[in-house]
C-alpha atoms as a PDB file:
ATOM      1  CA  UNK A   1       0.000   0.000   0.000  1.00  0.00           C
ATOM      2  CA  UNK A   2       2.793   2.458   0.887  1.00  0.00           C
ATOM      3  CA  UNK A   3       4.699   1.356  -2.216  1.00  0.00           C
ATOM      4  CA  UNK A   4       1.619   1.844  -4.406  1.00  0.00           C
ATOM      5  CA  UNK A   5       1.088   5.335  -2.983  1.00  0.00           C
ATOM      6  CA  UNK A   6       4.667   6.314  -3.712  1.00  0.00           C
ATOM      7  CA  UNK A   7       4.506   4.795  -7.212  1.00  0.00           C
ATOM      8  CA  UNK A   8       1.392   6.810  -8.089  1.00  0.00           C
ATOM      9  CA  UNK A   9       3.190  10.080  -7.347  1.00  0.00           C
ATOM     10  CA  UNK A  10       6.545   9.008  -8.789  1.00  0.00           C
ATOM     11  CA  UNK A  11       4.875   7.983 -12.062  1.00  0.00           C
ATOM     12  CA  UNK A  12       2.857  11.206 -12.121  1.00  0.00           C
ATOM     13  CA  UNK A  13       5.907  13.394 -11.499  1.00  0.00           C
ATOM     14  CA  UNK A  14       7.788  11.559 -14.250  1.00  0.00           C
ATOM     15  CA  UNK A  15       4.899  11.996 -16.695  1.00  0.00           C
ATOM     16  CA  UNK A  16       4.304   8.233 -16.856  1.00  0.00           C
ATOM     17  CA  UNK A  17       0.523   8.566 -16.735  1.00  0.00           C
ATOM     18  CA  UNK A  18      -0.144   5.461 -18.820  1.00  0.00           C
ATOM     19  CA  UNK A  19       1.415   3.326 -16.065  1.00  0.00           C
ATOM     20  CA  UNK A  20      -1.339   4.505 -13.728  1.00  0.00           C
ATOM     21  CA  UNK A  21      -3.961   2.784 -15.874  1.00  0.00           C
ATOM     22  CA  UNK A  22      -2.971  -0.647 -14.569  1.00  0.00           C
ATOM     23  CA  UNK A  23      -3.596   0.380 -10.953  1.00  0.00           C
ATOM     24  CA  UNK A  24      -6.769   2.428 -11.470  1.00  0.00           C
ATOM     25  CA  UNK A  25     -10.180   1.126 -10.479  1.00  0.00           C
ATOM     26  CA  UNK A  26     -12.381   0.757 -13.584  1.00  0.00           C
ATOM     27  CA  UNK A  27     -14.737   3.563 -12.499  1.00  0.00           C
ATOM     28  CA  UNK A  28     -11.804   5.922 -11.920  1.00  0.00           C
ATOM     29  CA  UNK A  29     -10.113   4.916 -15.167  1.00  0.00           C
ATOM     30  CA  UNK A  30     -13.332   5.720 -17.069  1.00  0.00           C
ATOM     31  CA  UNK A  31     -12.956   9.349 -15.930  1.00  0.00           C
ATOM     32  CA  UNK A  32      -9.434   9.376 -17.474  1.00  0.00           C
ATOM     33  CA  UNK A  33      -7.581  11.096 -14.617  1.00  0.00           C
ATOM     34  CA  UNK A  34      -4.392  11.231 -16.679  1.00  0.00           C
ATOM     35  CA  UNK A  35      -5.457  14.559 -18.179  1.00  0.00           C
ATOM     36  CA  UNK A  36      -6.073  16.073 -14.737  1.00  0.00           C
ATOM     37  CA  UNK A  37      -2.847  14.648 -13.311  1.00  0.00           C
ATOM     38  CA  UNK A  38      -0.757  15.916 -16.219  1.00  0.00           C
ATOM     39  CA  UNK A  39      -2.249  19.387 -15.799  1.00  0.00           C
ATOM     40  CA  UNK A  40      -1.786  19.317 -12.007  1.00  0.00           C
ATOM     41  CA  UNK A  41       1.870  18.289 -12.319  1.00  0.00           C
ATOM     42  CA  UNK A  42       2.551  21.072 -14.821  1.00  0.00           C
ATOM     43  CA  UNK A  43       1.269  23.571 -12.232  1.00  0.00           C
ATOM     44  CA  UNK A  44       3.192  21.907  -9.380  1.00  0.00           C
ATOM     45  CA  UNK A  45       6.429  21.899 -11.358  1.00  0.00           C
ATOM     46  CA  UNK A  46       5.890  25.504 -12.436  1.00  0.00           C
ATOM     47  CA  UNK A  47       5.195  26.659  -8.858  1.00  0.00           C
ATOM     48  CA  UNK A  48       7.366  24.302  -6.778  1.00  0.00           C
ATOM     49  CA  UNK A  49       9.900  22.778  -9.156  1.00  0.00           C
ATOM     50  CA  UNK A  50      10.701  19.120  -9.704  1.00  0.00           C
ATOM     51  CA  UNK A  51       9.864  16.364  -7.234  1.00  0.00           C
ATOM     52  CA  UNK A  52      12.911  15.644  -5.080  1.00  0.00           C
ATOM     53  CA  UNK A  53      11.688  12.969  -2.686  1.00  0.00           C
ATOM     54  CA  UNK A  54       8.744  11.252  -1.029  1.00  0.00           C
ATOM     55  CA  UNK A  55       8.753  10.748   2.736  1.00  0.00           C
ATOM     56  CA  UNK A  56       6.649   9.871   5.776  1.00  0.00           C
ATOM     57  CA  UNK A  57       4.514   7.498   3.698  1.00  0.00           C
ATOM     58  CA  UNK A  58       1.887   5.649   5.706  1.00  0.00           C
ATOM     59  CA  UNK A  59      -1.588   4.098   5.593  1.00  0.00           C
ATOM     60  CA  UNK A  60      -4.703   5.673   7.097  1.00  0.00           C
ATOM     61  CA  UNK A  61      -8.345   4.819   7.452  1.00  0.00           C
ATOM     62  CA  UNK A  62     -10.633   7.258   5.607  1.00  0.00           C
ATOM     63  CA  UNK A  63     -11.207   9.183   8.858  1.00  0.00           C
ATOM     64  CA  UNK A  64      -7.490   9.873   9.255  1.00  0.00           C
ATOM     65  CA  UNK A  65      -6.419   7.245  11.800  1.00  0.00           C
ATOM     66  CA  UNK A  66      -2.956   5.892  10.941  1.00  0.00           C
ATOM     67  CA  UNK A  67      -2.813   2.085  10.781  1.00  0.00           C
ATOM     68  CA  UNK A  68      -0.056  -0.485  10.396  1.00  0.00           C
ATOM     69  CA  UNK A  69       0.306  -1.436   6.752  1.00  0.00           C
ATOM     70  CA  UNK A  70       0.709  -5.099   7.692  1.00  0.00           C
ATOM     71  CA  UNK A  71      -2.620  -5.197   9.577  1.00  0.00           C
ATOM     72  CA  UNK A  72      -5.600  -6.851   7.933  1.00  0.00           C
ATOM     73  CA  UNK A  73      -7.625  -4.073   6.359  1.00  0.00           C
ATOM     74  CA  UNK A  74     -10.901  -4.381   4.523  1.00  0.00           C
ATOM     75  CA  UNK A  75     -12.600  -1.705   2.522  1.00  0.00           C
ATOM     76  CA  UNK A  76     -11.078   1.487   1.248  1.00  0.00           C
ATOM     77  CA  UNK A  77      -7.908   2.811   2.877  1.00  0.00           C
ATOM     78  CA  UNK A  78      -5.751   5.843   2.173  1.00  0.00           C
ATOM     79  CA  UNK A  79      -2.063   5.947   1.389  1.00  0.00           C
ATOM     80  CA  UNK A  80      -0.520   9.262   2.406  1.00  0.00           C
ATOM     81  CA  UNK A  81       2.913  10.669   1.655  1.00  0.00           C
ATOM     82  CA  UNK A  82       4.723  13.978   1.846  1.00  0.00           C
ATOM     83  CA  UNK A  83       6.487  15.091  -1.259  1.00  0.00           C
ATOM     84  CA  UNK A  84       9.268  17.605  -1.313  1.00  0.00           C
ATOM     85  CA  UNK A  85       9.870  19.615  -4.449  1.00  0.00           C
ATOM     86  CA  UNK A  86      12.693  22.054  -5.160  1.00  0.00           C
ATOM     87  CA  UNK A  87      10.723  25.040  -3.843  1.00  0.00           C
ATOM     88  CA  UNK A  88       8.167  23.581  -1.405  1.00  0.00           C
ATOM     89  CA  UNK A  89       6.128  20.638  -0.173  1.00  0.00           C
ATOM     90  CA  UNK A  90       2.756  19.019  -0.737  1.00  0.00           C
ATOM     91  CA  UNK A  91       0.891  16.063   0.714  1.00  0.00           C
ATOM     92  CA  UNK A  92      -0.296  13.305  -1.568  1.00  0.00           C
ATOM     93  CA  UNK A  93      -3.190  11.000  -0.762  1.00  0.00           C
ATOM     94  CA  UNK A  94      -4.349   7.934  -2.667  1.00  0.00           C
ATOM     95  CA  UNK A  95      -7.646   6.176  -1.887  1.00  0.00           C
ATOM     96  CA  UNK A  96      -7.265   2.456  -2.566  1.00  0.00           C
ATOM     97  CA  UNK A  97      -9.785  -0.389  -2.571  1.00  0.00           C
ATOM     98  CA  UNK A  98      -9.099  -3.671  -0.812  1.00  0.00           C
ATOM     99  CA  UNK A  99      -8.068  -5.199  -4.162  1.00  0.00           C
ATOM    100  CA  UNK A 100      -5.379  -2.456  -4.450  1.00  0.00           C
ATOM    101  CA  UNK A 101      -7.065  -0.377  -7.138  1.00  0.00           C
ATOM    102  CA  UNK A 102      -6.781   3.409  -6.983  1.00  0.00           C
ATOM    103  CA  UNK A 103     -10.128   5.185  -6.732  1.00  0.00           C
ATOM    104  CA  UNK A 104      -8.963   8.679  -5.833  1.00  0.00           C
ATOM    105  CA  UNK A 105      -5.889  10.915  -5.790  1.00  0.00           C
ATOM    106  CA  UNK A 106      -5.409  14.186  -3.913  1.00  0.00           C
ATOM    107  CA  UNK A 107      -2.481  16.600  -3.835  1.00  0.00           C
ATOM    108  CA  UNK A 108      -2.891  19.222  -1.119  1.00  0.00           C
ATOM    109  CA  UNK A 109      -0.854  21.760   0.867  1.00  0.00           C
ATOM    110  CA  UNK A 110       0.723  20.359   4.057  1.00  0.00           C
ATOM    111  CA  UNK A 111      -1.501  22.503   6.294  1.00  0.00           C
ATOM    112  CA  UNK A 112      -4.865  21.533   4.861  1.00  0.00           C
ATOM    113  CA  UNK A 113      -8.297  21.332   6.381  1.00  0.00           C
ATOM    114  CA  UNK A 114     -10.719  18.439   6.267  1.00  0.00           C
ATOM    115  CA  UNK A 115     -10.360  16.240   3.184  1.00  0.00           C
ATOM    116  CA  UNK A 116     -12.769  13.840   1.442  1.00  0.00           C
ATOM    117  CA  UNK A 117     -10.321  10.989   2.148  1.00  0.00           C
END
């Protein structure tokens, strides 16, 4: 789960949006998030520079409680990671089904309010 979260953002930052198709839930893939992600990364790179590293990756329940990745989890969980760019930081969140398919992706400022997941 942590690895999948990091891969989603590493692929996005590298412009490898087609690789995301294999990990997207069918409903999410039908919305073709590649266009949104490509646009979002252009803005991020313009404002913050290139991705330098991912850190503090962990798994949360949708309500925000951090859980051990090795614990048995059923239902949707959230992979969260901090990403550092040349000029600033963001938090990335990936909602994942129990069959490890991505159903949502968020990129938000580190000091954010309540989120949908």
